[in-house]
Protein backbone atom coordinates (compact mmCIF):
# COMPACT_ATOMS: atom_id res chain seq x y z
CA MET A 1 17.37 -32.74 10.28
CA ASN A 2 18.15 -33.86 13.90
CA PHE A 3 20.08 -30.92 15.62
CA VAL A 4 20.71 -32.59 18.85
CA PRO A 5 24.20 -34.16 17.95
CA TYR A 6 25.38 -30.67 17.18
CA ALA A 7 24.01 -29.27 20.47
CA VAL A 8 25.66 -31.92 22.69
CA PRO A 9 29.02 -30.21 22.84
CA ILE A 10 27.17 -27.04 23.77
CA PHE A 11 25.28 -28.95 26.41
CA LEU A 12 28.33 -30.14 28.00
CA LEU A 13 29.99 -26.65 27.94
CA LEU A 14 26.94 -25.03 29.41
CA ILE A 15 26.94 -27.70 32.30
CA LEU A 16 30.56 -26.76 33.04
CA VAL A 17 29.74 -23.05 33.05
CA GLU A 18 26.74 -23.68 35.47
CA LEU A 19 29.02 -25.76 37.58
CA CYS A 20 31.55 -22.96 37.82
CA TRP A 21 29.01 -20.34 38.43
CA GLY A 22 27.32 -22.17 41.27
CA TRP A 23 30.70 -22.59 43.07
CA LEU A 24 31.55 -18.83 42.57
CA LYS A 25 28.04 -18.00 43.97
CA GLY A 26 28.20 -20.46 46.77
CA LYS A 27 25.14 -22.27 45.47
CA ASN A 28 26.43 -25.46 43.86
CA THR A 29 23.71 -27.56 42.66
CA TYR A 30 25.86 -30.39 41.52
CA ARG A 31 26.84 -33.73 43.18
CA VAL A 32 29.26 -36.02 41.34
CA ASN A 33 27.08 -39.20 42.00
CA ASP A 34 23.87 -37.64 40.75
CA SER A 35 25.45 -35.70 37.88
CA ILE A 36 27.38 -38.82 36.59
CA ASN A 37 24.08 -40.91 36.89
CA SER A 38 22.14 -38.44 34.85
CA LEU A 39 24.78 -38.25 32.19
CA SER A 40 25.02 -42.16 32.28
CA MET A 41 21.25 -42.33 31.61
CA GLY A 42 21.61 -39.85 28.67
CA LEU A 43 24.44 -41.97 27.21
CA LEU A 44 22.62 -45.29 27.72
CA SER A 45 19.49 -43.71 26.03
CA THR A 46 21.56 -42.83 23.01
CA VAL A 47 23.45 -46.06 22.64
CA THR A 48 20.37 -48.25 22.86
CA LYS A 49 19.16 -46.49 19.82
CA PHE A 50 21.87 -48.34 17.92
CA VAL A 51 20.00 -51.52 18.08
CA PHE A 52 16.41 -50.95 18.94
CA LEU A 53 14.25 -50.55 15.87
CA ASN A 54 12.54 -47.12 15.70
CA ILE A 55 8.98 -48.21 15.30
CA GLY A 56 7.61 -44.69 15.24
CA LEU A 57 9.53 -43.60 12.29
CA LEU A 58 8.27 -46.68 10.46
CA VAL A 59 4.76 -46.14 11.30
CA PHE A 60 5.05 -42.31 10.50
CA SER A 61 6.51 -42.87 7.19
CA ARG A 62 3.68 -45.37 6.20
CA ILE A 63 0.95 -42.83 7.39
CA GLU A 64 2.52 -39.85 5.58
CA GLN A 65 2.71 -41.86 2.29
CA ASN A 66 -0.56 -43.57 2.35
CA HIS A 67 -3.20 -41.81 4.69
CA ALA A 68 -2.36 -38.17 4.87
CA VAL A 69 -5.42 -35.93 4.57
CA TRP A 70 -3.40 -32.72 3.91
CA SER A 71 0.18 -31.72 3.38
CA PHE A 72 2.67 -29.35 5.06
CA GLU A 73 4.85 -27.31 2.71
CA MET A 74 8.42 -27.31 3.44
CA ALA A 75 8.88 -23.85 1.85
CA SER A 76 6.21 -22.18 3.71
CA ILE A 77 7.14 -20.38 6.97
CA SER A 78 3.54 -20.44 8.21
CA HIS A 79 3.35 -24.19 7.81
CA TRP A 80 6.42 -24.55 9.84
CA LEU A 81 5.04 -22.26 12.70
CA LEU A 82 1.75 -24.43 12.44
CA GLY A 83 3.95 -27.56 12.80
CA ILE A 84 5.68 -26.25 15.76
CA LEU A 85 2.28 -25.39 17.42
CA LEU A 86 0.99 -28.82 16.58
CA TYR A 87 4.01 -30.57 17.83
CA ASP A 88 3.91 -28.62 20.99
CA PHE A 89 0.20 -29.26 21.64
CA LEU A 90 0.72 -33.09 21.14
CA TYR A 91 3.79 -33.01 23.43
CA TYR A 92 1.76 -31.40 26.23
CA TRP A 93 -0.72 -34.50 26.11
CA TYR A 94 2.02 -36.94 25.78
CA HIS A 95 3.87 -35.35 28.82
CA ARG A 96 0.59 -35.12 30.84
CA ILE A 97 -0.40 -38.67 30.11
CA SER A 98 3.16 -39.83 30.77
CA HIS A 99 2.69 -38.62 34.32
CA GLU A 100 -1.06 -39.64 34.87
CA ARG A 101 -0.95 -43.26 33.49
CA GLN A 102 1.31 -45.87 34.88
CA LEU A 103 2.37 -47.45 31.69
CA PHE A 104 3.80 -44.21 30.32
CA TRP A 105 5.14 -43.13 33.66
CA ALA A 106 7.06 -46.29 33.77
CA SER A 107 9.22 -44.95 30.70
CA HIS A 108 9.05 -41.36 31.63
CA VAL A 109 9.94 -41.63 35.27
CA VAL A 110 13.72 -41.71 34.68
CA HIS A 111 13.71 -38.07 33.82
CA HIS A 112 12.34 -37.29 37.22
CA GLN A 113 14.55 -39.49 39.48
CA SER A 114 17.24 -37.02 40.00
CA GLU A 115 16.98 -35.42 43.64
CA ASP A 116 19.31 -32.40 42.17
CA TYR A 117 18.04 -29.87 39.58
CA ASN A 118 20.82 -28.62 37.12
CA LEU A 119 21.58 -28.63 33.40
CA SER A 120 22.74 -32.39 33.62
CA THR A 121 19.15 -33.29 34.73
CA ALA A 122 17.98 -32.37 31.20
CA LEU A 123 20.17 -35.13 29.61
CA ARG A 124 18.57 -37.66 32.05
CA GLN A 125 16.54 -39.58 29.30
CA THR A 126 14.71 -42.78 29.18
CA SER A 127 16.04 -45.89 27.19
CA THR A 128 12.56 -47.26 26.71
CA SER A 129 10.61 -44.42 25.01
CA PHE A 130 10.72 -46.31 21.57
CA MET A 131 7.89 -48.31 22.90
CA THR A 132 5.29 -45.62 23.64
CA THR A 133 6.21 -42.13 22.89
CA TRP A 134 5.70 -42.12 19.12
CA VAL A 135 2.04 -42.94 19.60
CA PHE A 136 1.14 -39.57 20.68
CA PHE A 137 2.64 -37.75 17.47
CA ILE A 138 0.64 -39.83 14.82
CA PRO A 139 -1.65 -36.96 14.17
CA CYS A 140 1.29 -35.06 12.69
CA PHE A 141 1.45 -37.55 9.88
CA PHE A 142 -2.22 -37.90 9.19
CA LEU A 143 -1.88 -34.17 8.51
CA GLY A 144 0.89 -34.76 5.97
CA MET A 145 3.88 -33.56 8.13
CA PRO A 146 7.07 -34.55 6.23
CA ILE A 147 9.45 -36.67 8.18
CA TYR A 148 12.18 -34.02 7.77
CA MET A 149 10.00 -31.25 9.23
CA TYR A 150 8.97 -33.52 12.27
CA VAL A 151 12.55 -34.48 13.10
CA SER A 152 13.67 -30.80 12.78
CA ILE A 153 10.96 -29.50 15.01
CA ALA A 154 11.26 -32.52 17.49
CA SER A 155 14.95 -32.04 18.10
CA ALA A 156 14.71 -28.16 18.33
CA HIS A 157 11.89 -28.72 20.84
CA LEU A 158 14.06 -30.88 22.83
CA ILE A 159 17.16 -28.53 22.72
CA TYR A 160 14.82 -25.74 23.96
CA GLN A 161 14.04 -27.71 27.11
CA PHE A 162 17.63 -28.08 27.99
CA TRP A 163 18.11 -24.49 29.50
CA VAL A 164 15.15 -24.63 31.81
CA HIS A 165 16.73 -27.19 34.03
CA THR A 166 18.56 -24.64 36.22
CA GLN A 167 18.10 -23.06 39.67
CA HIS A 168 20.21 -20.17 38.74
CA ILE A 169 17.57 -18.20 36.72
CA SER A 170 14.41 -16.82 38.56
CA THR A 171 11.30 -15.56 37.24
CA LEU A 172 11.25 -13.97 33.82
CA GLY A 173 8.41 -11.38 33.85
CA TRP A 174 5.99 -11.44 31.04
CA LEU A 175 7.61 -14.66 29.47
CA GLU A 176 6.19 -16.58 32.39
CA TRP A 177 2.66 -16.13 30.87
CA PHE A 178 3.27 -18.04 27.77
CA MET A 179 6.57 -19.82 27.63
CA VAL A 180 8.18 -22.68 29.51
CA THR A 181 10.86 -21.11 31.80
CA PRO A 182 13.20 -22.44 34.48
CA SER A 183 10.79 -21.27 37.25
CA ASN A 184 7.69 -23.08 35.91
CA HIS A 185 9.74 -26.16 35.01
CA ARG A 186 11.13 -26.28 38.46
CA VAL A 187 7.64 -26.71 39.75
CA HIS A 188 7.12 -29.55 37.27
CA HIS A 189 10.20 -31.35 38.61
CA ALA A 190 9.19 -30.91 42.23
CA GLN A 191 7.55 -33.70 44.45
CA ASN A 192 5.98 -31.28 46.86
CA PRO A 193 2.24 -31.96 47.10
CA GLU A 194 1.55 -28.36 46.15
CA TYR A 195 3.46 -28.81 42.87
CA ILE A 196 3.15 -32.35 41.75
CA ASP A 197 1.63 -33.16 38.41
CA THR A 198 1.56 -29.52 36.86
CA ASN A 199 3.19 -27.51 34.18
CA TYR A 200 3.59 -30.31 31.32
CA GLY A 201 4.39 -27.77 28.55
CA GLY A 202 7.66 -28.22 26.50
CA LEU A 203 7.79 -24.85 24.71
CA LEU A 204 4.67 -22.99 25.54
CA ILE A 205 3.10 -22.95 29.01
CA ILE A 206 -0.27 -21.70 27.50
CA TRP A 207 -1.62 -25.41 27.28
CA ASP A 208 -1.31 -25.75 31.08
CA ARG A 209 -3.17 -22.51 31.61
CA LEU A 210 -5.82 -23.56 29.21
CA PHE A 211 -6.26 -27.08 30.61
CA GLY A 212 -5.84 -26.24 34.26
CA THR A 213 -2.47 -27.78 35.05
CA PHE A 214 -0.50 -24.56 35.62
CA LYS A 215 1.14 -23.89 38.93
CA ALA A 216 3.40 -20.89 39.58
CA GLU A 217 6.63 -21.24 41.68
CA SER A 218 5.91 -19.86 45.17
CA PRO A 219 8.70 -17.99 47.13
CA GLN A 220 7.28 -19.75 50.27
CA ILE A 221 7.48 -23.44 48.83
CA GLU A 222 10.96 -24.50 47.90
CA PRO A 223 10.88 -27.34 45.47
CA ILE A 224 11.97 -30.78 46.70
CA TYR A 225 13.09 -32.67 43.58
CA GLY A 226 12.84 -36.49 42.86
CA ILE A 227 10.03 -38.85 42.93
CA ARG A 228 7.67 -39.81 45.59
CA SER A 229 9.02 -43.32 46.00
CA PRO A 230 12.70 -42.80 45.80
CA LEU A 231 14.88 -45.01 43.73
CA ALA A 232 17.78 -44.92 46.06
CA SER A 233 20.09 -46.49 43.54
CA TRP A 234 22.55 -45.37 40.73
CA ASN A 235 22.01 -48.41 38.67
CA PRO A 236 20.92 -47.25 35.12
CA ILE A 237 19.26 -50.54 34.17
CA TRP A 238 17.11 -50.53 37.43
CA ALA A 239 16.35 -46.86 36.85
CA ASN A 240 14.74 -47.70 33.46
CA LEU A 241 12.87 -50.84 34.68
CA HIS A 242 11.85 -50.45 38.38
CA ILE A 243 8.28 -49.26 37.62
CA PHE A 244 7.83 -51.93 34.92
CA VAL A 245 9.02 -54.61 37.46
CA GLY A 246 6.66 -53.05 40.04
CA MET A 247 3.63 -53.39 37.66
CA ALA A 248 4.59 -57.03 36.81
CA LYS A 249 4.68 -57.83 40.52
CA ASP A 250 1.35 -56.18 41.30
CA ALA A 251 -0.24 -58.16 38.24
CA TRP A 252 1.07 -61.30 39.64
CA ARG A 253 0.24 -60.81 43.20
CA THR A 254 -3.36 -59.60 42.76
CA GLN A 255 -6.03 -62.35 43.07
CA VAL A 256 -8.56 -60.26 41.09
CA TRP A 257 -8.10 -61.25 37.37
CA GLN A 258 -9.52 -57.80 36.13
CA ASP A 259 -7.03 -55.87 38.37
CA LYS A 260 -4.18 -58.05 36.63
CA PHE A 261 -5.04 -56.16 33.46
CA SER A 262 -5.98 -52.94 35.04
CA VAL A 263 -2.35 -52.51 36.43
CA LEU A 264 -1.29 -51.75 32.87
CA TRP A 265 -3.77 -48.82 32.23
CA SER A 266 -4.11 -47.46 35.73
CA ARG A 267 -3.42 -44.21 36.81
CA THR A 268 0.04 -43.58 38.20
CA GLY A 269 0.66 -45.07 41.71
CA TRP A 270 -2.45 -47.34 41.63
CA GLN A 271 -2.33 -50.66 43.15
CA PRO A 272 -4.90 -53.53 43.35
CA LYS A 273 -6.57 -53.38 46.75
CA ASP A 274 -5.32 -56.74 47.83
CA VAL A 275 -1.76 -55.98 46.83
CA ALA A 276 -1.84 -52.57 48.57
CA ALA A 277 -2.88 -54.09 51.84
CA GLN A 278 0.03 -56.54 51.58
CA TYR A 279 2.70 -54.54 49.87
CA PRO A 280 2.08 -50.73 50.31
CA GLN A 281 4.19 -48.47 48.54
CA SER A 282 6.63 -46.44 50.53
CA LYS A 283 6.69 -42.68 50.10
CA SER A 284 9.21 -40.05 51.27
CA ASP A 285 8.57 -37.92 54.17
CA LEU A 286 9.20 -34.66 52.86
CA THR A 287 9.33 -32.87 56.08
CA GLN A 288 12.54 -35.04 56.86
CA PHE A 289 13.67 -35.42 53.15
CA GLU A 290 17.34 -36.43 52.65
CA LYS A 291 18.90 -36.98 49.39
CA TYR A 292 20.41 -40.45 48.51
CA ASN A 293 24.04 -39.71 48.92
CA PRO A 294 26.26 -42.77 49.63
CA SER A 295 29.59 -41.63 50.99
CA LEU A 296 32.67 -42.30 48.79
CA SER A 297 36.11 -40.71 48.82
CA SER A 298 37.32 -37.83 46.55
CA ARG A 299 39.72 -40.24 45.04
CA VAL A 300 36.85 -42.51 43.89
CA HIS A 301 34.86 -39.65 42.58
CA GLY A 302 37.90 -38.56 40.59
CA ALA A 303 38.31 -42.08 39.14
CA ILE A 304 34.57 -42.23 38.25
CA ILE A 305 34.78 -38.88 36.33
CA ALA A 306 37.86 -40.14 34.44
CA GLN A 307 36.02 -43.35 33.77
CA TYR A 308 33.08 -41.45 32.29
CA ALA A 309 35.45 -39.28 30.20
CA VAL A 310 37.13 -42.35 28.66
CA LEU A 311 33.62 -44.00 27.96
CA SER A 312 32.48 -40.87 26.45
CA ILE A 313 35.36 -41.01 23.87
CA PHE A 314 34.29 -44.48 23.08
CA HIS A 315 30.71 -43.59 22.82
CA LEU A 316 31.36 -40.72 20.38
CA TRP A 317 33.44 -42.89 18.14
CA SER A 318 30.83 -45.58 18.19
CA ALA A 319 27.99 -42.99 17.44
CA ALA A 320 29.93 -41.68 14.44
CA GLN A 321 30.48 -45.21 13.15
CA ALA A 322 27.11 -46.68 13.98
CA ALA A 323 25.64 -46.40 10.42
CA GLN A 324 28.57 -48.51 8.83
CA LEU A 325 28.92 -51.12 11.59
CA PRO A 326 27.28 -54.63 11.21
CA LEU A 327 24.52 -55.61 13.79
CA PRO A 328 26.53 -57.89 15.70
CA MET A 329 29.11 -55.39 16.37
CA LEU A 330 26.63 -52.73 17.37
CA TRP A 331 25.15 -55.15 19.93
CA MET A 332 28.66 -55.65 21.38
CA ILE A 333 29.12 -51.94 21.60
CA VAL A 334 25.81 -51.55 23.50
CA LEU A 335 26.73 -54.37 25.77
CA ALA A 336 30.23 -52.82 26.36
CA GLN A 337 29.03 -49.36 27.15
CA THR A 338 26.05 -50.66 29.34
CA TYR A 339 28.20 -52.99 31.34
CA ILE A 340 30.65 -50.27 32.49
CA LEU A 341 27.76 -47.99 33.35
CA VAL A 342 26.33 -50.68 35.55
CA VAL A 343 29.67 -51.08 37.13
CA VAL A 344 29.99 -47.34 37.83
CA GLY A 345 26.47 -47.44 39.27
CA ALA A 346 27.48 -50.18 41.65
CA ILE A 347 30.56 -48.28 42.74
CA LEU A 348 28.55 -45.16 43.38
CA ASP A 349 26.11 -47.28 45.37
CA GLY A 350 28.90 -48.77 47.44
CA LYS A 351 27.95 -52.34 46.49
CA ARG A 352 30.09 -55.12 47.75
CA TYR A 353 29.63 -57.05 44.52
CA VAL A 354 31.51 -54.53 42.47
CA ARG A 355 34.68 -56.83 42.26
CA PRO A 356 32.98 -59.88 40.92
CA LEU A 357 31.00 -57.59 38.51
CA GLU A 358 34.03 -56.18 37.20
CA TYR A 359 35.76 -59.46 36.66
CA SER A 360 32.64 -60.57 34.73
CA ARG A 361 32.91 -57.42 32.54
CA LEU A 362 36.49 -57.98 31.72
CA LEU A 363 35.89 -61.70 30.96
CA VAL A 364 32.90 -60.96 28.66
CA LEU A 365 34.53 -57.91 26.95
CA THR A 366 37.74 -59.83 26.41
CA ALA A 367 35.74 -62.70 24.83
CA MET A 368 33.86 -60.30 22.56
CA LEU A 369 37.08 -58.70 21.43
CA TYR A 370 38.65 -62.05 20.58
CA SER A 371 35.56 -63.31 18.84
CA SER A 372 35.23 -60.02 16.88
CA PHE A 373 38.87 -60.18 15.74
CA THR A 374 38.78 -63.90 14.65
CA ALA A 375 35.41 -63.33 12.92
CA ASP A 376 37.05 -60.32 10.78
CA LEU A 377 34.37 -57.81 12.37
CA ILE A 378 37.47 -55.67 13.65
CA GLY A 379 41.09 -55.53 12.31
CA ILE A 380 44.37 -55.45 14.20
CA THR A 381 44.13 -51.76 14.91
CA GLY A 382 40.42 -52.11 16.23
CA LEU A 383 41.81 -54.82 18.62
CA TYR A 384 44.46 -52.68 19.87
CA TYR A 385 42.11 -50.01 20.76
CA GLY A 386 39.81 -52.32 22.20
CA VAL A 387 42.43 -53.87 24.56
CA ALA A 388 43.65 -50.15 25.41
CA TYR A 389 40.19 -49.16 26.45
CA LEU A 390 39.81 -52.27 28.60
CA VAL A 391 42.99 -51.66 30.34
CA ILE A 392 42.40 -48.01 31.13
CA SER A 393 38.81 -48.61 32.19
CA SER A 394 39.73 -51.53 34.37
CA GLY A 395 42.47 -49.52 35.98
CA LEU A 396 40.09 -46.77 36.91
CA THR A 397 37.73 -49.26 38.35
CA TRP A 398 40.53 -50.95 40.31
CA ILE A 399 41.37 -47.63 41.69
CA CYS A 400 37.62 -47.32 43.09
CA ILE A 401 37.79 -50.95 44.39
CA ARG A 402 41.16 -50.43 46.19
CA SER A 403 39.98 -47.14 47.63
CA GLU A 404 36.59 -48.52 49.03
CA PRO A 405 37.26 -52.10 49.95
CA ALA A 406 34.06 -52.32 52.10
CA ALA A 407 31.95 -49.26 51.23
CA GLU A 408 28.78 -48.90 53.08
CA ILE A 409 25.89 -46.65 51.98
CA ILE A 410 25.52 -43.67 54.15
CA CYS A 411 22.78 -41.34 53.05
CA GLY A 412 22.83 -37.57 53.48
CA SER A 413 22.29 -34.49 51.88
CA ASP A 414 25.92 -33.08 51.70
CA LEU A 415 27.27 -32.01 48.34
CA ALA A 416 30.03 -34.31 47.10
């Protein structure tokens, strides 16, 4: 059973609670641009699952049915506990390798791009995990773990990790010795040299203690969140692809044929020597670190929040209907939701091409609505709702365009 859809309303409520708590305590950990971007990444991760085949479940099912050497009993509490322990152990290695090897980091990096640390960061998920993540959990099915048990454990495991993404809970005494907590997970999200590449556990921190990757949070070293080569963009597509693009460029540029293939399996951050000499990677100067924070008006921030709220309604409706909708309709829904997220990202970045980008969105979505109606994929009611969404979303985008006619990016660390 997948528990995540039932937990999402609680996630959103707790984000609001944390936001209010931070304001009351004078320690607000939220910015509009960063939080909207994190939520957008979560929404994009969910909506892309409508159309991308879950290769992992197909492989898991085949292994469980034909190659299992043992069998977990659904009625046994001890087998459930063993399953949790096995999943968490495999998760540790998946998570660790996702930081240590470039191919897997290219997918996982999305979760670490935020330069803030709050509950919305937990929802910042990749859209490319369907290509790589499932490989690490194959042993579950050679041991005969039923799909139902696996999905239940995996979703509960993910839900547990939500609450540790906060700065408002300090150390938790004896729990720090064996559980993943906000304190040791803050260390994991930090880019400080003293903290980087540590604390990979999802539920239990004992794996880090056993394999030498544990690091306790130090009162003398305040975590600096984000990645060493800053993304400096709110574009959700670029956020998912920038490492893959960098790897492709390195493979193309190097003159050493062996290095063209080594790029794929290399340690994170590695470049061929000839490429590194000509195109060195830029890293943040953490002694003068400033968050990426393009300056926009409160009116624009308000319109973007409203835009995301309207999109969320559209998304929740489409998620509820996904199982009954034909594939062409699902692709149009994915495109419609992705398009507005790209437009929102361009507004947050202060890009000058927002106006033509929005015009292209309206043109493409209008054509999709018309073709869907004439092909009987939607009825007259669906057409009315589609037109209403376009009118509302374009109106909110127009507020942003009119308010910031020539926005320029001004980076700073002030809270929005």
